[in-house]
Amino acid sequence: MKHILDALEDRRAGAKLGGGEKRIEAQHARGKLTARERIELLLDKGSFEEFDMFVEHRSIEFGMEKNKIPGDGVVTGWGTVNGRKTFVFAKDFTVFGGSLSETHALKITKLQDMAMKARAPIIGLYDAGGARIQEGVAALAGYSYVFRRNVLASGVIPQISVIMGPCAGGDVYSPAMTDFIFMVKNTSYMFVTGPDVVKTVTNEVVTAEELGGASVHATRSSIADGAFENDVEALLQMRRLIDFLPSNNTDGVPEWPSFDDTARVDMSLDTLIPDNPNKPYDMKELI
């Protein structure tokens, strides 16, 4: 029995390496955390329970049958955020660039179904390049399964997307249907097609940041609800966000103790809010 358990631990250790140490080093060199590091930072310590660690793709085209990595580019599971059950999936850029295959999609849809059944929030950490082109229509069909569940979960459980790398195609369609979208400055991008395609089709030269960077989506297009300086800040703020959200549409809003006297009077409000109702005032100063 011991040799079986040892073999299992060896397989787990291999799966946790994702695309290998060199690709992990490259990820760190870009100023980004790996998928597992992100989950570890997001969830309460020791609470993460992973699903389908050893899942591999089923493609046999273009030599893909010789190139299989456990997990298939996405880490899925559940844990707690400040004691509250939360489901999470993180795209692993070190494995096939985080691209979505048929089995990759099925891992995500399984998690979405579990989140709906448990009536708990789901958080997606995106760092991927869209569909895995080697699988063609099978990969695109996988996105349809994910999109359908995005729609079914809308208004039922909180859906949060954090864009943490260069995301294109289906990996921006799905976040667009969720409740919140956040980005990381200088390392995350959201666009349907990248700068190279834009140049080919329109002959316009545009950078990834100008086309779909955090500065564009958080200040101009309003697609993103906020942008953070790095992965660590983004994930810590997601932990804080969960504290403000109900777990589902039938659950109450979380309540936290307040030490502010409810009868407190602030005389500055008399001068802050103008007598003329048509005159604007600074809402941030009021809050």
C-alpha atoms as a PDB file:
ATOM      1  CA  MET A   1       0.000   0.000   0.000  1.00  0.00           C
ATOM      2  CA  LYS A   2       2.833   2.397   0.822  1.00  0.00           C
ATOM      3  CA  HIS A   3       4.278   2.202  -2.681  1.00  0.00           C
ATOM      4  CA  ILE A   4       0.847   3.070  -4.108  1.00  0.00           C
ATOM      5  CA  LEU A   5       0.578   6.132  -1.862  1.00  0.00           C
ATOM      6  CA  ASP A   6       4.132   7.157  -2.745  1.00  0.00           C
ATOM      7  CA  ALA A   7       3.316   6.873  -6.450  1.00  0.00           C
ATOM      8  CA  LEU A   8       0.205   9.007  -5.907  1.00  0.00           C
ATOM      9  CA  GLU A   9       2.247  11.687  -4.143  1.00  0.00           C
ATOM     10  CA  ASP A  10       4.744  11.663  -7.007  1.00  0.00           C
ATOM     11  CA  ARG A  11       1.908  12.199  -9.487  1.00  0.00           C
ATOM     12  CA  ARG A  12       0.547  15.047  -7.377  1.00  0.00           C
ATOM     13  CA  ALA A  13       3.961  16.684  -7.209  1.00  0.00           C
ATOM     14  CA  GLY A  14       4.272  16.432 -10.989  1.00  0.00           C
ATOM     15  CA  ALA A  15       0.805  17.895 -11.538  1.00  0.00           C
ATOM     16  CA  LYS A  16       1.567  20.828  -9.232  1.00  0.00           C
ATOM     17  CA  LEU A  17       4.540  21.778 -11.410  1.00  0.00           C
ATOM     18  CA  GLY A  18       2.201  22.474 -14.327  1.00  0.00           C
ATOM     19  CA  GLY A  19       4.269  23.222 -17.412  1.00  0.00           C
ATOM     20  CA  GLY A  20       7.548  22.746 -15.560  1.00  0.00           C
ATOM     21  CA  GLU A  21      10.061  24.798 -13.624  1.00  0.00           C
ATOM     22  CA  LYS A  22      11.341  26.752 -16.647  1.00  0.00           C
ATOM     23  CA  ARG A  23       7.871  27.995 -17.515  1.00  0.00           C
ATOM     24  CA  ILE A  24       7.199  28.827 -13.871  1.00  0.00           C
ATOM     25  CA  GLU A  25      10.396  30.898 -13.825  1.00  0.00           C
ATOM     26  CA  ALA A  26       9.262  32.662 -17.002  1.00  0.00           C
ATOM     27  CA  GLN A  27       5.914  33.407 -15.353  1.00  0.00           C
ATOM     28  CA  HIS A  28       7.664  34.943 -12.354  1.00  0.00           C
ATOM     29  CA  ALA A  29       9.971  36.915 -14.658  1.00  0.00           C
ATOM     30  CA  ARG A  30       6.885  38.603 -16.124  1.00  0.00           C
ATOM     31  CA  GLY A  31       5.902  39.723 -12.632  1.00  0.00           C
ATOM     32  CA  LYS A  32       3.064  37.196 -12.372  1.00  0.00           C
ATOM     33  CA  LEU A  33       2.226  34.444  -9.906  1.00  0.00           C
ATOM     34  CA  THR A  34       1.389  30.908 -11.002  1.00  0.00           C
ATOM     35  CA  ALA A  35      -2.175  29.582 -10.904  1.00  0.00           C
ATOM     36  CA  ARG A  36      -1.571  27.664  -7.683  1.00  0.00           C
ATOM     37  CA  GLU A  37       0.183  30.579  -6.003  1.00  0.00           C
ATOM     38  CA  ARG A  38      -2.795  32.771  -6.827  1.00  0.00           C
ATOM     39  CA  ILE A  39      -5.274  30.312  -5.338  1.00  0.00           C
ATOM     40  CA  GLU A  40      -3.140  29.929  -2.220  1.00  0.00           C
ATOM     41  CA  LEU A  41      -3.152  33.694  -1.733  1.00  0.00           C
ATOM     42  CA  LEU A  42      -6.869  34.083  -2.452  1.00  0.00           C
ATOM     43  CA  LEU A  43      -8.226  31.374  -0.153  1.00  0.00           C
ATOM     44  CA  ASP A  44      -7.840  30.821   3.574  1.00  0.00           C
ATOM     45  CA  LYS A  45      -4.701  28.887   4.419  1.00  0.00           C
ATOM     46  CA  GLY A  46      -5.144  25.137   4.085  1.00  0.00           C
ATOM     47  CA  SER A  47      -8.768  25.354   2.919  1.00  0.00           C
ATOM     48  CA  PHE A  48      -8.321  24.537  -0.782  1.00  0.00           C
ATOM     49  CA  GLU A  49      -9.761  21.237  -1.994  1.00  0.00           C
ATOM     50  CA  GLU A  50      -8.799  20.549  -5.597  1.00  0.00           C
ATOM     51  CA  PHE A  51     -10.837  18.635  -8.174  1.00  0.00           C
ATOM     52  CA  ASP A  52      -9.645  16.713 -11.225  1.00  0.00           C
ATOM     53  CA  MET A  53      -5.925  17.269 -10.720  1.00  0.00           C
ATOM     54  CA  PHE A  54      -4.969  14.487 -13.142  1.00  0.00           C
ATOM     55  CA  VAL A  55      -7.359  15.284 -16.008  1.00  0.00           C
ATOM     56  CA  GLU A  56      -5.673  15.334 -19.427  1.00  0.00           C
ATOM     57  CA  HIS A  57      -6.922  16.341 -22.868  1.00  0.00           C
ATOM     58  CA  ARG A  58      -8.238  13.762 -25.354  1.00  0.00           C
ATOM     59  CA  SER A  59      -6.903  15.309 -28.550  1.00  0.00           C
ATOM     60  CA  ILE A  60      -4.956  13.128 -30.989  1.00  0.00           C
ATOM     61  CA  GLU A  61      -4.502  15.731 -33.729  1.00  0.00           C
ATOM     62  CA  PHE A  62      -1.262  17.553 -34.569  1.00  0.00           C
ATOM     63  CA  GLY A  63       0.786  15.311 -32.294  1.00  0.00           C
ATOM     64  CA  MET A  64      -1.114  16.367 -29.182  1.00  0.00           C
ATOM     65  CA  GLU A  65      -1.393  12.745 -28.004  1.00  0.00           C
ATOM     66  CA  LYS A  66       2.337  12.949 -27.225  1.00  0.00           C
ATOM     67  CA  ASN A  67       1.994  16.163 -25.243  1.00  0.00           C
ATOM     68  CA  LYS A  68      -0.202  15.745 -22.195  1.00  0.00           C
ATOM     69  CA  ILE A  69       0.122  17.551 -18.866  1.00  0.00           C
ATOM     70  CA  PRO A  70      -2.001  16.672 -15.798  1.00  0.00           C
ATOM     71  CA  GLY A  71      -4.608  19.322 -15.039  1.00  0.00           C
ATOM     72  CA  ASP A  72      -4.804  20.422 -18.691  1.00  0.00           C
ATOM     73  CA  GLY A  73      -4.185  24.098 -18.040  1.00  0.00           C
ATOM     74  CA  VAL A  74      -6.685  24.939 -15.308  1.00  0.00           C
ATOM     75  CA  VAL A  75      -6.731  24.388 -11.538  1.00  0.00           C
ATOM     76  CA  THR A  76     -10.222  23.971 -10.056  1.00  0.00           C
ATOM     77  CA  GLY A  77     -11.612  23.473  -6.577  1.00  0.00           C
ATOM     78  CA  TRP A  78     -13.199  25.131  -3.593  1.00  0.00           C
ATOM     79  CA  GLY A  79     -12.091  26.619  -0.312  1.00  0.00           C
ATOM     80  CA  THR A  80     -13.014  29.414   2.044  1.00  0.00           C
ATOM     81  CA  VAL A  81     -12.485  33.168   1.980  1.00  0.00           C
ATOM     82  CA  ASN A  82     -12.629  34.541   5.505  1.00  0.00           C
ATOM     83  CA  GLY A  83     -14.514  31.389   6.461  1.00  0.00           C
ATOM     84  CA  ARG A  84     -17.073  31.565   3.626  1.00  0.00           C
ATOM     85  CA  LYS A  85     -17.294  28.795   1.012  1.00  0.00           C
ATOM     86  CA  THR A  86     -16.017  29.951  -2.379  1.00  0.00           C
ATOM     87  CA  PHE A  87     -15.407  28.067  -5.622  1.00  0.00           C
ATOM     88  CA  VAL A  88     -12.405  29.045  -7.725  1.00  0.00           C
ATOM     89  CA  PHE A  89     -10.675  28.149 -10.975  1.00  0.00           C
ATOM     90  CA  ALA A  90      -7.332  29.504 -12.135  1.00  0.00           C
ATOM     91  CA  LYS A  91      -6.028  29.283 -15.681  1.00  0.00           C
ATOM     92  CA  ASP A  92      -2.449  27.996 -15.774  1.00  0.00           C
ATOM     93  CA  PHE A  93      -0.462  29.914 -18.386  1.00  0.00           C
ATOM     94  CA  THR A  94       2.464  27.493 -18.030  1.00  0.00           C
ATOM     95  CA  VAL A  95       0.350  24.689 -19.556  1.00  0.00           C
ATOM     96  CA  PHE A  96      -0.454  25.266 -23.241  1.00  0.00           C
ATOM     97  CA  GLY A  97      -0.695  28.989 -22.503  1.00  0.00           C
ATOM     98  CA  GLY A  98      -3.796  28.337 -20.401  1.00  0.00           C
ATOM     99  CA  SER A  99      -5.744  27.639 -23.599  1.00  0.00           C
ATOM    100  CA  LEU A 100      -9.130  25.966 -23.334  1.00  0.00           C
ATOM    101  CA  SER A 101      -9.628  22.395 -24.542  1.00  0.00           C
ATOM    102  CA  GLU A 102     -12.709  20.200 -24.301  1.00  0.00           C
ATOM    103  CA  THR A 103     -11.634  18.633 -20.989  1.00  0.00           C
ATOM    104  CA  HIS A 104     -10.400  21.993 -19.693  1.00  0.00           C
ATOM    105  CA  ALA A 105     -13.912  23.370 -20.284  1.00  0.00           C
ATOM    106  CA  LEU A 106     -15.538  20.380 -18.586  1.00  0.00           C
ATOM    107  CA  LYS A 107     -13.462  21.019 -15.465  1.00  0.00           C
ATOM    108  CA  ILE A 108     -14.780  24.584 -15.332  1.00  0.00           C
ATOM    109  CA  THR A 109     -18.411  23.624 -16.006  1.00  0.00           C
ATOM    110  CA  LYS A 110     -18.244  20.976 -13.282  1.00  0.00           C
ATOM    111  CA  LEU A 111     -17.128  23.694 -10.871  1.00  0.00           C
ATOM    112  CA  GLN A 112     -19.873  26.048 -12.060  1.00  0.00           C
ATOM    113  CA  ASP A 113     -22.489  23.354 -11.462  1.00  0.00           C
ATOM    114  CA  MET A 114     -21.140  22.699  -7.974  1.00  0.00           C
ATOM    115  CA  ALA A 115     -21.151  26.415  -7.145  1.00  0.00           C
ATOM    116  CA  MET A 116     -24.788  26.663  -8.235  1.00  0.00           C
ATOM    117  CA  LYS A 117     -25.752  23.604  -6.217  1.00  0.00           C
ATOM    118  CA  ALA A 118     -23.956  24.925  -3.128  1.00  0.00           C
ATOM    119  CA  ARG A 119     -25.271  28.471  -3.760  1.00  0.00           C
ATOM    120  CA  ALA A 120     -21.783  29.906  -3.240  1.00  0.00           C
ATOM    121  CA  PRO A 121     -19.687  32.529  -5.100  1.00  0.00           C
ATOM    122  CA  ILE A 122     -17.350  31.509  -7.910  1.00  0.00           C
ATOM    123  CA  ILE A 123     -14.139  33.332  -8.816  1.00  0.00           C
ATOM    124  CA  GLY A 124     -12.265  32.866 -12.099  1.00  0.00           C
ATOM    125  CA  LEU A 125      -8.591  33.832 -12.354  1.00  0.00           C
ATOM    126  CA  TYR A 126      -7.830  34.305 -16.062  1.00  0.00           C
ATOM    127  CA  ASP A 127      -4.400  34.077 -17.655  1.00  0.00           C
ATOM    128  CA  ALA A 128      -4.972  32.445 -21.025  1.00  0.00           C
ATOM    129  CA  GLY A 129      -4.883  32.859 -24.767  1.00  0.00           C
ATOM    130  CA  GLY A 130      -8.323  31.593 -25.731  1.00  0.00           C
ATOM    131  CA  ALA A 131      -9.304  28.310 -27.368  1.00  0.00           C
ATOM    132  CA  ARG A 132      -6.750  25.563 -27.986  1.00  0.00           C
ATOM    133  CA  ILE A 133      -6.560  25.730 -31.748  1.00  0.00           C
ATOM    134  CA  GLN A 134      -5.434  22.099 -32.114  1.00  0.00           C
ATOM    135  CA  GLU A 135      -8.884  20.959 -30.922  1.00  0.00           C
ATOM    136  CA  GLY A 136     -10.854  23.207 -33.252  1.00  0.00           C
ATOM    137  CA  VAL A 137     -14.631  22.968 -32.865  1.00  0.00           C
ATOM    138  CA  ALA A 138     -14.385  20.780 -29.743  1.00  0.00           C
ATOM    139  CA  ALA A 139     -12.681  23.625 -27.878  1.00  0.00           C
ATOM    140  CA  LEU A 140     -15.160  26.204 -29.168  1.00  0.00           C
ATOM    141  CA  ALA A 141     -18.041  23.981 -28.060  1.00  0.00           C
ATOM    142  CA  GLY A 142     -16.438  23.923 -24.617  1.00  0.00           C
ATOM    143  CA  TYR A 143     -16.852  27.683 -24.400  1.00  0.00           C
ATOM    144  CA  SER A 144     -20.552  27.344 -25.164  1.00  0.00           C
ATOM    145  CA  TYR A 145     -20.928  25.063 -22.135  1.00  0.00           C
ATOM    146  CA  VAL A 146     -19.216  27.662 -19.942  1.00  0.00           C
ATOM    147  CA  PHE A 147     -21.238  30.574 -21.373  1.00  0.00           C
ATOM    148  CA  ARG A 148     -24.538  28.790 -20.779  1.00  0.00           C
ATOM    149  CA  ARG A 149     -23.704  28.340 -17.117  1.00  0.00           C
ATOM    150  CA  ASN A 150     -22.632  31.983 -16.847  1.00  0.00           C
ATOM    151  CA  VAL A 151     -26.144  32.921 -17.936  1.00  0.00           C
ATOM    152  CA  LEU A 152     -27.861  30.428 -15.625  1.00  0.00           C
ATOM    153  CA  ALA A 153     -25.819  31.645 -12.643  1.00  0.00           C
ATOM    154  CA  SER A 154     -26.466  35.324 -13.374  1.00  0.00           C
ATOM    155  CA  GLY A 155     -28.472  36.837 -10.545  1.00  0.00           C
ATOM    156  CA  VAL A 156     -28.234  33.630  -8.518  1.00  0.00           C
ATOM    157  CA  ILE A 157     -24.657  33.536  -7.204  1.00  0.00           C
ATOM    158  CA  PRO A 158     -21.852  36.123  -7.372  1.00  0.00           C
ATOM    159  CA  GLN A 159     -19.535  35.567 -10.345  1.00  0.00           C
ATOM    160  CA  ILE A 160     -16.186  37.348 -10.189  1.00  0.00           C
ATOM    161  CA  SER A 161     -13.514  37.449 -12.901  1.00  0.00           C
ATOM    162  CA  VAL A 162      -9.939  38.589 -12.365  1.00  0.00           C
ATOM    163  CA  ILE A 163      -7.929  39.144 -15.553  1.00  0.00           C
ATOM    164  CA  MET A 164      -4.297  38.446 -14.690  1.00  0.00           C
ATOM    165  CA  GLY A 165      -2.665  37.902 -18.075  1.00  0.00           C
ATOM    166  CA  PRO A 166      -3.156  38.308 -21.832  1.00  0.00           C
ATOM    167  CA  CYS A 167      -6.705  37.075 -22.484  1.00  0.00           C
ATOM    168  CA  ALA A 168      -8.422  36.868 -25.858  1.00  0.00           C
ATOM    169  CA  GLY A 169     -11.481  35.324 -27.488  1.00  0.00           C
ATOM    170  CA  GLY A 170     -13.603  33.146 -25.234  1.00  0.00           C
ATOM    171  CA  ASP A 171     -11.514  34.040 -22.217  1.00  0.00           C
ATOM    172  CA  VAL A 172     -12.940  37.550 -22.365  1.00  0.00           C
ATOM    173  CA  TYR A 173     -16.462  36.626 -23.511  1.00  0.00           C
ATOM    174  CA  SER A 174     -17.099  34.627 -20.347  1.00  0.00           C
ATOM    175  CA  PRO A 175     -15.813  37.303 -17.921  1.00  0.00           C
ATOM    176  CA  ALA A 176     -17.989  39.860 -19.721  1.00  0.00           C
ATOM    177  CA  MET A 177     -21.046  37.911 -18.533  1.00  0.00           C
ATOM    178  CA  THR A 178     -19.967  37.845 -14.885  1.00  0.00           C
ATOM    179  CA  ASP A 179     -20.862  40.352 -12.169  1.00  0.00           C
ATOM    180  CA  PHE A 180     -17.423  41.843 -11.553  1.00  0.00           C
ATOM    181  CA  ILE A 181     -14.290  42.153 -13.687  1.00  0.00           C
ATOM    182  CA  PHE A 182     -10.955  43.279 -12.275  1.00  0.00           C
ATOM    183  CA  MET A 183      -7.582  43.597 -13.980  1.00  0.00           C
ATOM    184  CA  VAL A 184      -3.901  43.849 -13.102  1.00  0.00           C
ATOM    185  CA  LYS A 185      -2.004  46.819 -14.489  1.00  0.00           C
ATOM    186  CA  ASN A 186       0.709  46.220 -17.114  1.00  0.00           C
ATOM    187  CA  THR A 187       0.295  42.418 -17.219  1.00  0.00           C
ATOM    188  CA  SER A 188      -3.359  41.831 -18.118  1.00  0.00           C
ATOM    189  CA  TYR A 189      -5.167  42.471 -21.387  1.00  0.00           C
ATOM    190  CA  MET A 190      -8.693  41.864 -22.686  1.00  0.00           C
ATOM    191  CA  PHE A 191      -9.450  41.830 -26.389  1.00  0.00           C
ATOM    192  CA  VAL A 192     -11.391  39.727 -28.873  1.00  0.00           C
ATOM    193  CA  THR A 193      -8.345  39.552 -31.157  1.00  0.00           C
ATOM    194  CA  GLY A 194      -4.818  40.785 -30.542  1.00  0.00           C
ATOM    195  CA  PRO A 195      -2.726  43.580 -32.075  1.00  0.00           C
ATOM    196  CA  ASP A 196      -1.340  41.341 -34.846  1.00  0.00           C
ATOM    197  CA  VAL A 197      -4.821  40.550 -36.177  1.00  0.00           C
ATOM    198  CA  VAL A 198      -5.815  44.217 -35.974  1.00  0.00           C
ATOM    199  CA  LYS A 199      -2.757  45.170 -38.019  1.00  0.00           C
ATOM    200  CA  THR A 200      -3.479  42.483 -40.629  1.00  0.00           C
ATOM    201  CA  VAL A 201      -7.140  43.409 -41.056  1.00  0.00           C
ATOM    202  CA  THR A 202      -7.108  47.194 -40.630  1.00  0.00           C
ATOM    203  CA  ASN A 203      -3.411  47.988 -41.150  1.00  0.00           C
ATOM    204  CA  GLU A 204      -3.545  49.866 -37.850  1.00  0.00           C
ATOM    205  CA  VAL A 205      -0.611  49.529 -35.468  1.00  0.00           C
ATOM    206  CA  VAL A 206      -1.740  49.329 -31.851  1.00  0.00           C
ATOM    207  CA  THR A 207      -0.105  47.984 -28.704  1.00  0.00           C
ATOM    208  CA  ALA A 208      -1.693  45.384 -26.437  1.00  0.00           C
ATOM    209  CA  GLU A 209      -2.047  48.007 -23.702  1.00  0.00           C
ATOM    210  CA  GLU A 210      -3.775  50.476 -26.039  1.00  0.00           C
ATOM    211  CA  LEU A 211      -6.068  47.785 -27.407  1.00  0.00           C
ATOM    212  CA  GLY A 212      -7.147  46.099 -24.197  1.00  0.00           C
ATOM    213  CA  GLY A 213      -4.993  46.994 -21.216  1.00  0.00           C
ATOM    214  CA  ALA A 214      -6.170  47.801 -17.716  1.00  0.00           C
ATOM    215  CA  SER A 215      -5.789  51.533 -18.354  1.00  0.00           C
ATOM    216  CA  VAL A 216      -8.302  51.296 -21.217  1.00  0.00           C
ATOM    217  CA  HIS A 217     -10.923  49.077 -19.615  1.00  0.00           C
ATOM    218  CA  ALA A 218     -10.830  50.656 -16.154  1.00  0.00           C
ATOM    219  CA  THR A 219     -10.946  54.292 -17.309  1.00  0.00           C
ATOM    220  CA  ARG A 220     -12.488  54.433 -20.798  1.00  0.00           C
ATOM    221  CA  SER A 221     -14.520  51.388 -21.847  1.00  0.00           C
ATOM    222  CA  SER A 222     -15.769  50.721 -18.273  1.00  0.00           C
ATOM    223  CA  ILE A 223     -15.575  46.971 -18.898  1.00  0.00           C
ATOM    224  CA  ALA A 224     -13.371  46.509 -15.830  1.00  0.00           C
ATOM    225  CA  ASP A 225     -14.611  47.521 -12.389  1.00  0.00           C
ATOM    226  CA  GLY A 226     -11.098  48.228 -11.167  1.00  0.00           C
ATOM    227  CA  ALA A 227      -7.388  47.738 -11.783  1.00  0.00           C
ATOM    228  CA  PHE A 228      -4.671  46.824  -9.309  1.00  0.00           C
ATOM    229  CA  GLU A 229      -0.904  47.226  -9.277  1.00  0.00           C
ATOM    230  CA  ASN A 230      -0.015  43.525  -9.087  1.00  0.00           C
ATOM    231  CA  ASP A 231      -1.361  40.012  -8.520  1.00  0.00           C
ATOM    232  CA  VAL A 232      -1.002  40.189  -4.749  1.00  0.00           C
ATOM    233  CA  GLU A 233      -3.013  43.399  -4.375  1.00  0.00           C
ATOM    234  CA  ALA A 234      -5.717  42.113  -6.727  1.00  0.00           C
ATOM    235  CA  LEU A 235      -6.197  38.860  -4.820  1.00  0.00           C
ATOM    236  CA  LEU A 236      -6.214  40.517  -1.402  1.00  0.00           C
ATOM    237  CA  GLN A 237      -8.881  42.927  -2.634  1.00  0.00           C
ATOM    238  CA  MET A 238     -10.955  39.977  -3.890  1.00  0.00           C
ATOM    239  CA  ARG A 239     -10.897  38.594  -0.357  1.00  0.00           C
ATOM    240  CA  ARG A 240     -12.201  41.954   0.837  1.00  0.00           C
ATOM    241  CA  LEU A 241     -14.881  42.074  -1.877  1.00  0.00           C
ATOM    242  CA  ILE A 242     -16.322  38.706  -0.811  1.00  0.00           C
ATOM    243  CA  ASP A 243     -16.980  40.180   2.643  1.00  0.00           C
ATOM    244  CA  PHE A 244     -19.483  42.612   1.102  1.00  0.00           C
ATOM    245  CA  LEU A 245     -21.424  40.110  -1.020  1.00  0.00           C
ATOM    246  CA  PRO A 246     -24.219  37.678  -0.150  1.00  0.00           C
ATOM    247  CA  SER A 247     -23.457  34.069  -1.028  1.00  0.00           C
ATOM    248  CA  ASN A 248     -26.532  33.875  -3.272  1.00  0.00           C
ATOM    249  CA  ASN A 249     -29.792  35.595  -4.168  1.00  0.00           C
ATOM    250  CA  THR A 250     -31.654  34.178  -1.162  1.00  0.00           C
ATOM    251  CA  ASP A 251     -28.945  34.885   1.393  1.00  0.00           C
ATOM    252  CA  GLY A 252     -28.700  38.055   3.441  1.00  0.00           C
ATOM    253  CA  VAL A 253     -25.966  40.639   3.066  1.00  0.00           C
ATOM    254  CA  PRO A 254     -23.070  39.977   5.467  1.00  0.00           C
ATOM    255  CA  GLU A 255     -23.239  42.080   8.615  1.00  0.00           C
ATOM    256  CA  TRP A 256     -20.194  43.311  10.476  1.00  0.00           C
ATOM    257  CA  PRO A 257     -20.002  45.004  13.879  1.00  0.00           C
ATOM    258  CA  SER A 258     -19.828  48.800  13.801  1.00  0.00           C
ATOM    259  CA  PHE A 259     -18.361  50.970  16.527  1.00  0.00           C
ATOM    260  CA  ASP A 260     -19.649  54.214  15.044  1.00  0.00           C
ATOM    261  CA  ASP A 261     -22.468  55.843  17.024  1.00  0.00           C
ATOM    262  CA  THR A 262     -25.625  55.731  14.885  1.00  0.00           C
ATOM    263  CA  ALA A 263     -26.716  59.022  16.463  1.00  0.00           C
ATOM    264  CA  ARG A 264     -23.473  60.815  15.553  1.00  0.00           C
ATOM    265  CA  VAL A 265     -23.989  64.241  13.962  1.00  0.00           C
ATOM    266  CA  ASP A 266     -21.516  65.589  11.402  1.00  0.00           C
ATOM    267  CA  MET A 267     -21.983  69.339  11.032  1.00  0.00           C
ATOM    268  CA  SER A 268     -19.817  69.474   7.889  1.00  0.00           C
ATOM    269  CA  LEU A 269     -22.711  67.969   5.929  1.00  0.00           C
ATOM    270  CA  ASP A 270     -24.509  71.306   6.240  1.00  0.00           C
ATOM    271  CA  THR A 271     -21.854  72.970   4.113  1.00  0.00           C
ATOM    272  CA  LEU A 272     -20.933  70.050   1.867  1.00  0.00           C
ATOM    273  CA  ILE A 273     -24.372  69.563   0.305  1.00  0.00           C
ATOM    274  CA  PRO A 274     -25.489  72.729  -1.541  1.00  0.00           C
ATOM    275  CA  ASP A 275     -28.922  74.281  -1.105  1.00  0.00           C
ATOM    276  CA  ASN A 276     -29.417  74.247  -4.863  1.00  0.00           C
ATOM    277  CA  PRO A 277     -30.407  70.667  -5.866  1.00  0.00           C
ATOM    278  CA  ASN A 278     -29.003  71.277  -9.364  1.00  0.00           C
ATOM    279  CA  LYS A 279     -25.522  72.009  -8.054  1.00  0.00           C
ATOM    280  CA  PRO A 280     -23.129  69.028  -7.866  1.00  0.00           C
ATOM    281  CA  TYR A 281     -21.063  68.002  -4.863  1.00  0.00           C
ATOM    282  CA  ASP A 282     -18.230  65.542  -4.233  1.00  0.00           C
ATOM    283  CA  MET A 283     -19.793  62.170  -3.389  1.00  0.00           C
ATOM    284  CA  LYS A 284     -16.430  60.719  -2.320  1.00  0.00           C
ATOM    285  CA  GLU A 285     -15.976  63.507   0.212  1.00  0.00           C
ATOM    286  CA  LEU A 286     -19.490  62.837   1.499  1.00  0.00           C
ATOM    287  CA  ILE A 287     -18.800  59.123   1.999  1.00  0.00           C
END
